[in-house]
Amino acid sequence: KILAKHKGSDAEHRFNERLPVEVSAVINYDMHAVIGTLRDISANGCFIEIDPTELPLRHSLELAMSVQTRSGETRNYRLPVIVRRVTENGAAVSFNDLGREMYFTLADTVQANQ
């Protein structure tokens, strides 16, 4: 479980710690759908292994993914994101105001899917 870091507490994880994941995802924008794989996720954003030439830098896009919960139910997420950095093998995107509760829900669901 990921916890917010309190001053002076090295034992707790940072709220924006990157969690390694492997989840299929789709980036939607301007009538395009680009398939990729989430490689890490944090409260601030995630890294998607994807063809970076297909993504417009600093544009608002939609990240869509389906993951199974620990109980076996499928949850679908559609999150607004902005492309912040592009590398030769993917892109770092930031969430638009994901919020603490949604992050914990998403992180728990994604980790259960690993």
N, C-alpha and C. Protein backbone atom coordinates (compact mmCIF):
# COMPACT_ATOMS: atom_id res chain seq x y z
N LYS A 1 0.84 -1.18 0.00
CA LYS A 1 0.00 0.00 0.00
C LYS A 1 0.89 1.24 0.00
N ILE A 2 0.50 2.25 -0.77
CA ILE A 2 1.28 3.47 -0.88
C ILE A 2 0.74 4.49 0.12
N LEU A 3 1.62 5.12 0.86
CA LEU A 3 1.22 6.09 1.87
C LEU A 3 1.86 7.43 1.58
N ALA A 4 1.20 8.49 1.97
CA ALA A 4 1.79 9.82 1.84
C ALA A 4 2.98 9.92 2.79
N LYS A 5 4.01 10.59 2.39
CA LYS A 5 5.19 10.72 3.23
C LYS A 5 4.97 11.82 4.25
N HIS A 6 5.28 11.52 5.48
CA HIS A 6 5.21 12.52 6.54
C HIS A 6 6.63 12.97 6.82
N LYS A 7 6.77 14.24 7.19
CA LYS A 7 8.11 14.77 7.48
C LYS A 7 8.80 13.90 8.52
N GLY A 8 10.03 13.56 8.23
CA GLY A 8 10.82 12.79 9.17
C GLY A 8 10.58 11.29 9.13
N SER A 9 9.70 10.83 8.26
CA SER A 9 9.39 9.40 8.19
C SER A 9 9.97 8.80 6.92
N ASP A 10 11.10 8.12 7.04
CA ASP A 10 11.73 7.48 5.88
C ASP A 10 11.10 6.14 5.58
N ALA A 11 10.32 5.60 6.52
CA ALA A 11 9.74 4.27 6.35
C ALA A 11 8.55 4.27 5.40
N GLU A 12 7.91 5.40 5.22
CA GLU A 12 6.73 5.44 4.38
C GLU A 12 7.09 5.82 2.95
N HIS A 13 6.30 5.31 2.02
CA HIS A 13 6.52 5.59 0.61
C HIS A 13 6.04 6.99 0.26
N ARG A 14 6.67 7.60 -0.72
CA ARG A 14 6.22 8.89 -1.21
C ARG A 14 4.89 8.73 -1.93
N PHE A 15 4.06 9.75 -1.84
CA PHE A 15 2.76 9.76 -2.52
C PHE A 15 2.96 9.63 -4.03
N ASN A 16 4.04 10.20 -4.55
CA ASN A 16 4.25 10.15 -6.00
C ASN A 16 5.29 9.10 -6.40
N GLU A 17 5.47 8.08 -5.59
CA GLU A 17 6.40 7.00 -5.93
C GLU A 17 5.94 6.33 -7.22
N ARG A 18 6.89 6.00 -8.07
CA ARG A 18 6.56 5.28 -9.31
C ARG A 18 6.43 3.80 -9.01
N LEU A 19 5.29 3.25 -9.35
CA LEU A 19 5.05 1.82 -9.19
C LEU A 19 5.27 1.13 -10.52
N PRO A 20 6.16 0.13 -10.59
CA PRO A 20 6.34 -0.58 -11.85
C PRO A 20 5.08 -1.39 -12.17
N VAL A 21 4.62 -1.30 -13.40
CA VAL A 21 3.42 -2.02 -13.84
C VAL A 21 3.62 -2.51 -15.26
N GLU A 22 2.73 -3.34 -15.71
CA GLU A 22 2.67 -3.75 -17.11
C GLU A 22 1.19 -3.93 -17.44
N VAL A 23 0.61 -2.85 -17.96
CA VAL A 23 -0.82 -2.82 -18.26
C VAL A 23 -1.02 -2.25 -19.66
N SER A 24 -1.80 -2.96 -20.47
CA SER A 24 -2.13 -2.46 -21.81
C SER A 24 -2.98 -1.21 -21.68
N ALA A 25 -2.73 -0.24 -22.55
CA ALA A 25 -3.47 1.02 -22.51
C ALA A 25 -3.61 1.58 -23.92
N VAL A 26 -4.54 2.50 -24.06
CA VAL A 26 -4.76 3.17 -25.34
C VAL A 26 -4.75 4.67 -25.09
N ILE A 27 -4.05 5.40 -25.94
CA ILE A 27 -4.08 6.86 -25.92
C ILE A 27 -5.03 7.30 -27.03
N ASN A 28 -6.04 8.07 -26.66
CA ASN A 28 -7.03 8.59 -27.63
C ASN A 28 -6.85 10.09 -27.79
N TYR A 29 -6.83 10.54 -29.04
CA TYR A 29 -6.81 11.98 -29.32
C TYR A 29 -7.14 12.21 -30.78
N ASP A 30 -7.86 13.27 -31.06
CA ASP A 30 -8.18 13.68 -32.44
C ASP A 30 -8.54 12.51 -33.35
N MET A 31 -9.43 11.65 -32.90
CA MET A 31 -9.89 10.51 -33.70
C MET A 31 -8.79 9.47 -33.95
N HIS A 32 -7.72 9.50 -33.15
CA HIS A 32 -6.65 8.51 -33.22
C HIS A 32 -6.70 7.64 -31.96
N ALA A 33 -6.30 6.40 -32.10
CA ALA A 33 -6.14 5.51 -30.96
C ALA A 33 -4.79 4.82 -31.12
N VAL A 34 -3.89 5.04 -30.14
CA VAL A 34 -2.55 4.48 -30.19
C VAL A 34 -2.41 3.51 -29.01
N ILE A 35 -2.06 2.26 -29.31
CA ILE A 35 -1.95 1.22 -28.29
C ILE A 35 -0.55 1.19 -27.71
N GLY A 36 -0.47 1.05 -26.39
CA GLY A 36 0.83 0.98 -25.71
C GLY A 36 0.72 0.18 -24.43
N THR A 37 1.79 0.25 -23.63
CA THR A 37 1.84 -0.47 -22.36
C THR A 37 2.33 0.47 -21.27
N LEU A 38 1.56 0.59 -20.19
CA LEU A 38 2.02 1.35 -19.03
C LEU A 38 3.17 0.60 -18.40
N ARG A 39 4.27 1.31 -18.10
CA ARG A 39 5.44 0.69 -17.47
C ARG A 39 5.63 1.14 -16.03
N ASP A 40 5.14 2.34 -15.69
CA ASP A 40 5.11 2.76 -14.29
C ASP A 40 4.00 3.79 -14.12
N ILE A 41 3.58 3.95 -12.87
CA ILE A 41 2.50 4.87 -12.58
C ILE A 41 2.77 5.53 -11.23
N SER A 42 2.42 6.80 -11.11
CA SER A 42 2.54 7.53 -9.85
C SER A 42 1.31 8.41 -9.70
N ALA A 43 1.24 9.15 -8.62
CA ALA A 43 0.11 10.06 -8.42
C ALA A 43 0.12 11.19 -9.44
N ASN A 44 1.30 11.47 -10.00
CA ASN A 44 1.43 12.58 -10.94
C ASN A 44 1.27 12.19 -12.40
N GLY A 45 1.53 10.92 -12.72
CA GLY A 45 1.46 10.51 -14.11
C GLY A 45 1.97 9.10 -14.30
N CYS A 46 2.34 8.80 -15.54
CA CYS A 46 2.82 7.46 -15.84
C CYS A 46 3.72 7.50 -17.07
N PHE A 47 4.43 6.39 -17.29
CA PHE A 47 5.23 6.24 -18.50
C PHE A 47 4.57 5.16 -19.34
N ILE A 48 4.38 5.47 -20.62
CA ILE A 48 3.74 4.54 -21.54
C ILE A 48 4.73 4.16 -22.62
N GLU A 49 4.97 2.86 -22.76
CA GLU A 49 5.80 2.36 -23.85
C GLU A 49 4.90 2.38 -25.09
N ILE A 50 5.26 3.22 -26.04
CA ILE A 50 4.39 3.50 -27.18
C ILE A 50 5.23 4.13 -28.28
N ASP A 51 4.75 4.12 -29.51
CA ASP A 51 5.46 4.78 -30.60
C ASP A 51 5.37 6.29 -30.35
N PRO A 52 6.47 6.93 -29.94
CA PRO A 52 6.42 8.34 -29.57
C PRO A 52 6.15 9.29 -30.74
N THR A 53 6.38 8.83 -31.95
CA THR A 53 6.15 9.70 -33.09
C THR A 53 4.66 9.96 -33.31
N GLU A 54 3.81 9.16 -32.65
CA GLU A 54 2.38 9.30 -32.83
C GLU A 54 1.73 10.20 -31.78
N LEU A 55 2.53 10.76 -30.86
CA LEU A 55 1.95 11.56 -29.79
C LEU A 55 2.34 13.02 -29.89
N PRO A 56 1.37 13.91 -29.80
CA PRO A 56 1.68 15.34 -29.81
C PRO A 56 2.14 15.80 -28.42
N LEU A 57 3.30 16.42 -28.35
CA LEU A 57 3.87 16.89 -27.09
C LEU A 57 3.04 18.05 -26.53
N ARG A 58 2.84 18.03 -25.22
CA ARG A 58 2.12 19.07 -24.48
C ARG A 58 0.66 19.23 -24.92
N HIS A 59 0.05 18.17 -25.35
CA HIS A 59 -1.37 18.20 -25.72
C HIS A 59 -2.17 17.35 -24.72
N SER A 60 -3.41 17.73 -24.53
CA SER A 60 -4.30 16.94 -23.68
C SER A 60 -4.82 15.75 -24.47
N LEU A 61 -4.69 14.58 -23.88
CA LEU A 61 -5.11 13.33 -24.50
C LEU A 61 -5.92 12.55 -23.47
N GLU A 62 -6.45 11.41 -23.90
CA GLU A 62 -7.15 10.53 -22.98
C GLU A 62 -6.40 9.21 -22.90
N LEU A 63 -6.14 8.76 -21.67
CA LEU A 63 -5.54 7.46 -21.42
C LEU A 63 -6.66 6.51 -21.01
N ALA A 64 -6.81 5.42 -21.76
CA ALA A 64 -7.85 4.44 -21.45
C ALA A 64 -7.21 3.10 -21.17
N MET A 65 -7.71 2.41 -20.13
CA MET A 65 -7.21 1.09 -19.81
C MET A 65 -8.29 0.30 -19.08
N SER A 66 -8.19 -1.00 -19.20
CA SER A 66 -9.08 -1.92 -18.48
C SER A 66 -8.21 -2.82 -17.63
N VAL A 67 -8.50 -2.89 -16.34
CA VAL A 67 -7.74 -3.75 -15.44
C VAL A 67 -8.70 -4.53 -14.55
N GLN A 68 -8.24 -5.69 -14.13
CA GLN A 68 -9.04 -6.53 -13.25
C GLN A 68 -8.72 -6.23 -11.80
N THR A 69 -9.76 -6.14 -10.97
CA THR A 69 -9.57 -5.91 -9.54
C THR A 69 -9.19 -7.23 -8.87
N ARG A 70 -8.84 -7.14 -7.61
CA ARG A 70 -8.49 -8.35 -6.85
C ARG A 70 -9.67 -9.33 -6.80
N SER A 71 -10.89 -8.80 -6.85
CA SER A 71 -12.08 -9.66 -6.80
C SER A 71 -12.45 -10.23 -8.16
N GLY A 72 -11.70 -9.83 -9.20
CA GLY A 72 -11.95 -10.38 -10.53
C GLY A 72 -12.83 -9.53 -11.43
N GLU A 73 -13.36 -8.44 -10.90
CA GLU A 73 -14.19 -7.57 -11.74
C GLU A 73 -13.30 -6.69 -12.61
N THR A 74 -13.76 -6.34 -13.79
CA THR A 74 -13.00 -5.48 -14.70
C THR A 74 -13.39 -4.03 -14.48
N ARG A 75 -12.39 -3.18 -14.32
CA ARG A 75 -12.62 -1.74 -14.19
C ARG A 75 -12.02 -1.05 -15.40
N ASN A 76 -12.80 -0.13 -15.96
CA ASN A 76 -12.35 0.66 -17.09
C ASN A 76 -12.05 2.07 -16.61
N TYR A 77 -10.89 2.57 -17.01
CA TYR A 77 -10.49 3.93 -16.65
C TYR A 77 -10.27 4.74 -17.91
N ARG A 78 -10.73 5.97 -17.87
CA ARG A 78 -10.47 6.96 -18.92
C ARG A 78 -10.01 8.22 -18.20
N LEU A 79 -8.74 8.53 -18.36
CA LEU A 79 -8.14 9.63 -17.61
C LEU A 79 -7.56 10.67 -18.55
N PRO A 80 -7.82 11.94 -18.28
CA PRO A 80 -7.18 12.99 -19.09
C PRO A 80 -5.71 13.10 -18.72
N VAL A 81 -4.85 13.16 -19.71
CA VAL A 81 -3.40 13.26 -19.49
C VAL A 81 -2.80 14.29 -20.45
N ILE A 82 -1.59 14.72 -20.12
CA ILE A 82 -0.83 15.62 -21.00
C ILE A 82 0.54 15.00 -21.23
N VAL A 83 0.98 14.94 -22.48
CA VAL A 83 2.30 14.41 -22.81
C VAL A 83 3.34 15.43 -22.36
N ARG A 84 4.22 15.01 -21.44
CA ARG A 84 5.24 15.90 -20.88
C ARG A 84 6.63 15.67 -21.47
N ARG A 85 6.93 14.41 -21.78
CA ARG A 85 8.27 14.08 -22.28
C ARG A 85 8.15 12.88 -23.19
N VAL A 86 8.91 12.91 -24.28
CA VAL A 86 8.91 11.79 -25.23
C VAL A 86 10.33 11.25 -25.30
N THR A 87 10.45 9.91 -25.25
CA THR A 87 11.74 9.26 -25.40
C THR A 87 11.66 8.37 -26.64
N GLU A 88 12.75 7.68 -26.93
CA GLU A 88 12.74 6.83 -28.13
C GLU A 88 11.82 5.61 -27.98
N ASN A 89 11.45 5.27 -26.74
CA ASN A 89 10.59 4.09 -26.57
C ASN A 89 9.26 4.38 -25.89
N GLY A 90 8.90 5.65 -25.75
CA GLY A 90 7.62 5.94 -25.14
C GLY A 90 7.45 7.38 -24.74
N ALA A 91 6.52 7.60 -23.81
CA ALA A 91 6.21 8.96 -23.39
C ALA A 91 5.83 9.00 -21.92
N ALA A 92 6.25 10.08 -21.27
CA ALA A 92 5.83 10.36 -19.89
C ALA A 92 4.64 11.30 -19.98
N VAL A 93 3.57 10.94 -19.31
CA VAL A 93 2.37 11.78 -19.31
C VAL A 93 2.01 12.14 -17.88
N SER A 94 1.41 13.30 -17.71
CA SER A 94 0.95 13.70 -16.38
C SER A 94 -0.56 13.65 -16.35
N PHE A 95 -1.08 13.34 -15.16
CA PHE A 95 -2.52 13.31 -14.97
C PHE A 95 -3.03 14.73 -14.74
N ASN A 96 -4.21 14.99 -15.23
CA ASN A 96 -4.86 16.27 -14.96
C ASN A 96 -5.69 16.12 -13.69
N ASP A 97 -5.12 16.51 -12.57
CA ASP A 97 -5.83 16.50 -11.30
C ASP A 97 -6.45 15.14 -10.98
N LEU A 98 -5.61 14.13 -10.90
CA LEU A 98 -6.07 12.78 -10.62
C LEU A 98 -6.70 12.69 -9.23
N GLY A 99 -6.11 13.35 -8.27
CA GLY A 99 -6.65 13.31 -6.92
C GLY A 99 -6.14 12.11 -6.15
N ARG A 100 -6.00 12.28 -4.88
CA ARG A 100 -5.43 11.26 -4.00
C ARG A 100 -6.26 9.98 -3.97
N GLU A 101 -7.57 10.12 -3.81
CA GLU A 101 -8.44 8.94 -3.72
C GLU A 101 -8.41 8.13 -5.02
N MET A 102 -8.48 8.82 -6.16
CA MET A 102 -8.45 8.12 -7.44
C MET A 102 -7.10 7.45 -7.65
N TYR A 103 -6.01 8.09 -7.22
CA TYR A 103 -4.69 7.49 -7.35
C TYR A 103 -4.61 6.19 -6.57
N PHE A 104 -5.07 6.20 -5.32
CA PHE A 104 -5.01 4.99 -4.51
C PHE A 104 -5.86 3.89 -5.10
N THR A 105 -7.04 4.23 -5.61
CA THR A 105 -7.91 3.25 -6.24
C THR A 105 -7.23 2.66 -7.47
N LEU A 106 -6.69 3.54 -8.31
CA LEU A 106 -6.02 3.10 -9.53
C LEU A 106 -4.77 2.29 -9.22
N ALA A 107 -3.95 2.75 -8.29
CA ALA A 107 -2.71 2.04 -7.94
C ALA A 107 -3.02 0.65 -7.39
N ASP A 108 -4.03 0.56 -6.53
CA ASP A 108 -4.40 -0.73 -5.95
C ASP A 108 -4.90 -1.67 -7.03
N THR A 109 -5.72 -1.16 -7.94
CA THR A 109 -6.27 -1.99 -9.01
C THR A 109 -5.17 -2.44 -9.97
N VAL A 110 -4.28 -1.53 -10.33
CA VAL A 110 -3.19 -1.87 -11.26
C VAL A 110 -2.26 -2.88 -10.62
N GLN A 111 -1.91 -2.69 -9.33
CA GLN A 111 -1.02 -3.63 -8.65
C GLN A 111 -1.67 -5.02 -8.54
N ALA A 112 -2.96 -5.06 -8.35
CA ALA A 112 -3.67 -6.34 -8.26
C ALA A 112 -3.61 -7.09 -9.58
N ASN A 113 -3.43 -6.36 -10.65
CA ASN A 113 -3.42 -6.92 -12.00
C ASN A 113 -2.04 -7.49 -12.36
N GLN A 114 -1.05 -7.30 -11.50
CA GLN A 114 0.32 -7.73 -11.81
C GLN A 114 0.54 -9.18 -11.47
